[in-house]
Amino acid sequence: MANGLTRLTEPMVRENGVLRTATWDEALDRAAQGLRAAATRNGGNGVGLFSCSKATNEMNFVAQKFMRQVMRSNNIDSCNRT
């Protein structure tokens, strides 16, 4: 690319302020821990989801179902209203 940036090809996690390469299992575990911590601190108001109109109806359905059933949050928005 012109600006020298490239796409990440493997997951990364932050440790002591520095990014390092991680396994997918570690990265997904950290993401789950972060969502769990946010929901524990603030209930359903601690998490939210923004979806895209370019996603399939099925993907948007699963995303909203995850937020409502698993995360207990109604904080769901999308660019579909534009």
C-alpha atoms as a PDB file:
ATOM      1  CA  MET A   1       0.000   0.000   0.000  1.00  0.00           C
ATOM      2  CA  ALA A   2       1.065   3.577  -0.537  1.00  0.00           C
ATOM      3  CA  ASN A   3       1.206   4.433   3.167  1.00  0.00           C
ATOM      4  CA  GLY A   4       3.200   1.311   4.088  1.00  0.00           C
ATOM      5  CA  LEU A   5       0.419  -0.251   6.172  1.00  0.00           C
ATOM      6  CA  THR A   6      -0.473  -3.877   5.574  1.00  0.00           C
ATOM      7  CA  ARG A   7      -3.323  -6.059   6.681  1.00  0.00           C
ATOM      8  CA  LEU A   8      -2.839  -8.141   9.813  1.00  0.00           C
ATOM      9  CA  THR A   9      -2.588 -11.839   9.029  1.00  0.00           C
ATOM     10  CA  GLU A  10      -2.570 -13.185  12.577  1.00  0.00           C
ATOM     11  CA  PRO A  11      -4.195 -12.170  15.854  1.00  0.00           C
ATOM     12  CA  MET A  12      -2.402  -9.820  18.209  1.00  0.00           C
ATOM     13  CA  VAL A  13      -2.864  -9.032  21.902  1.00  0.00           C
ATOM     14  CA  ARG A  14      -1.598  -6.156  23.999  1.00  0.00           C
ATOM     15  CA  GLU A  15       0.723  -7.052  26.862  1.00  0.00           C
ATOM     16  CA  ASN A  16       2.259  -4.329  29.029  1.00  0.00           C
ATOM     17  CA  GLY A  17       1.293  -1.776  26.400  1.00  0.00           C
ATOM     18  CA  VAL A  18       2.975  -3.648  23.533  1.00  0.00           C
ATOM     19  CA  LEU A  19       1.267  -5.687  20.812  1.00  0.00           C
ATOM     20  CA  ARG A  20       2.475  -9.229  20.273  1.00  0.00           C
ATOM     21  CA  THR A  21       1.395 -12.103  18.062  1.00  0.00           C
ATOM     22  CA  ALA A  22      -0.996 -14.550  19.726  1.00  0.00           C
ATOM     23  CA  THR A  23      -2.800 -17.757  18.907  1.00  0.00           C
ATOM     24  CA  TRP A  24      -6.424 -17.553  17.831  1.00  0.00           C
ATOM     25  CA  ASP A  25      -7.470 -19.319  21.028  1.00  0.00           C
ATOM     26  CA  GLU A  26      -5.673 -16.759  23.195  1.00  0.00           C
ATOM     27  CA  ALA A  27      -7.036 -13.793  21.218  1.00  0.00           C
ATOM     28  CA  LEU A  28     -10.613 -15.085  21.329  1.00  0.00           C
ATOM     29  CA  ASP A  29     -10.304 -15.871  25.055  1.00  0.00           C
ATOM     30  CA  ARG A  30      -9.137 -12.302  25.694  1.00  0.00           C
ATOM     31  CA  ALA A  31     -12.000 -10.875  23.641  1.00  0.00           C
ATOM     32  CA  ALA A  32     -14.497 -13.018  25.573  1.00  0.00           C
ATOM     33  CA  GLN A  33     -12.955 -11.911  28.891  1.00  0.00           C
ATOM     34  CA  GLY A  34     -13.285  -8.261  27.845  1.00  0.00           C
ATOM     35  CA  LEU A  35     -16.944  -8.660  26.867  1.00  0.00           C
ATOM     36  CA  ARG A  36     -17.644 -10.557  30.090  1.00  0.00           C
ATOM     37  CA  ALA A  37     -15.952  -7.882  32.208  1.00  0.00           C
ATOM     38  CA  ALA A  38     -17.857  -5.053  30.497  1.00  0.00           C
ATOM     39  CA  ALA A  39     -21.180  -6.849  30.927  1.00  0.00           C
ATOM     40  CA  THR A  40     -20.396  -7.673  34.563  1.00  0.00           C
ATOM     41  CA  ARG A  41     -19.534  -4.042  35.341  1.00  0.00           C
ATOM     42  CA  ASN A  42     -22.513  -2.457  33.582  1.00  0.00           C
ATOM     43  CA  GLY A  43     -24.960  -5.193  32.651  1.00  0.00           C
ATOM     44  CA  GLY A  44     -26.402  -4.923  29.151  1.00  0.00           C
ATOM     45  CA  ASN A  45     -25.385  -1.253  29.012  1.00  0.00           C
ATOM     46  CA  GLY A  46     -21.725  -2.275  29.078  1.00  0.00           C
ATOM     47  CA  VAL A  47     -21.736  -3.755  25.583  1.00  0.00           C
ATOM     48  CA  GLY A  48     -23.080  -2.874  22.176  1.00  0.00           C
ATOM     49  CA  LEU A  49     -22.913  -3.980  18.571  1.00  0.00           C
ATOM     50  CA  PHE A  50     -22.849  -2.106  15.279  1.00  0.00           C
ATOM     51  CA  SER A  51     -23.700  -4.143  12.223  1.00  0.00           C
ATOM     52  CA  CYS A  52     -23.509  -3.419   8.509  1.00  0.00           C
ATOM     53  CA  SER A  53     -26.095  -3.359   5.754  1.00  0.00           C
ATOM     54  CA  LYS A  54     -23.639  -5.215   3.511  1.00  0.00           C
ATOM     55  CA  ALA A  55     -23.837  -8.248   5.801  1.00  0.00           C
ATOM     56  CA  THR A  56     -26.425 -10.879   4.986  1.00  0.00           C
ATOM     57  CA  ASN A  57     -29.809 -10.895   6.710  1.00  0.00           C
ATOM     58  CA  GLU A  58     -28.760 -14.128   8.374  1.00  0.00           C
ATOM     59  CA  MET A  59     -25.557 -12.589   9.760  1.00  0.00           C
ATOM     60  CA  ASN A  60     -27.440  -9.563  11.093  1.00  0.00           C
ATOM     61  CA  PHE A  61     -30.029 -11.885  12.648  1.00  0.00           C
ATOM     62  CA  VAL A  62     -27.345 -13.943  14.419  1.00  0.00           C
ATOM     63  CA  ALA A  63     -25.593 -10.756  15.600  1.00  0.00           C
ATOM     64  CA  GLN A  64     -28.751  -9.321  17.162  1.00  0.00           C
ATOM     65  CA  LYS A  65     -29.656 -12.706  18.647  1.00  0.00           C
ATOM     66  CA  PHE A  66     -26.187 -12.923  20.239  1.00  0.00           C
ATOM     67  CA  MET A  67     -26.512  -9.446  21.744  1.00  0.00           C
ATOM     68  CA  ARG A  68     -30.004 -10.012  23.107  1.00  0.00           C
ATOM     69  CA  GLN A  69     -29.746 -13.612  24.293  1.00  0.00           C
ATOM     70  CA  VAL A  70     -26.086 -13.981  25.289  1.00  0.00           C
ATOM     71  CA  MET A  71     -25.011 -10.454  26.251  1.00  0.00           C
ATOM     72  CA  ARG A  72     -28.471  -9.386  27.521  1.00  0.00           C
ATOM     73  CA  SER A  73     -28.233  -6.082  25.681  1.00  0.00           C
ATOM     74  CA  ASN A  74     -30.517  -4.185  23.334  1.00  0.00           C
ATOM     75  CA  ASN A  75     -27.650  -1.899  22.260  1.00  0.00           C
ATOM     76  CA  ILE A  76     -27.711  -2.846  18.584  1.00  0.00           C
ATOM     77  CA  ASP A  77     -27.415  -0.444  15.688  1.00  0.00           C
ATOM     78  CA  SER A  78     -26.682  -0.611  11.995  1.00  0.00           C
ATOM     79  CA  CYS A  79     -26.158   1.595   9.010  1.00  0.00           C
ATOM     80  CA  ASN A  80     -29.360   0.182   7.473  1.00  0.00           C
ATOM     81  CA  ARG A  81     -31.300   3.306   8.410  1.00  0.00           C
ATOM     82  CA  THR A  82     -29.293   5.611   6.144  1.00  0.00           C
END
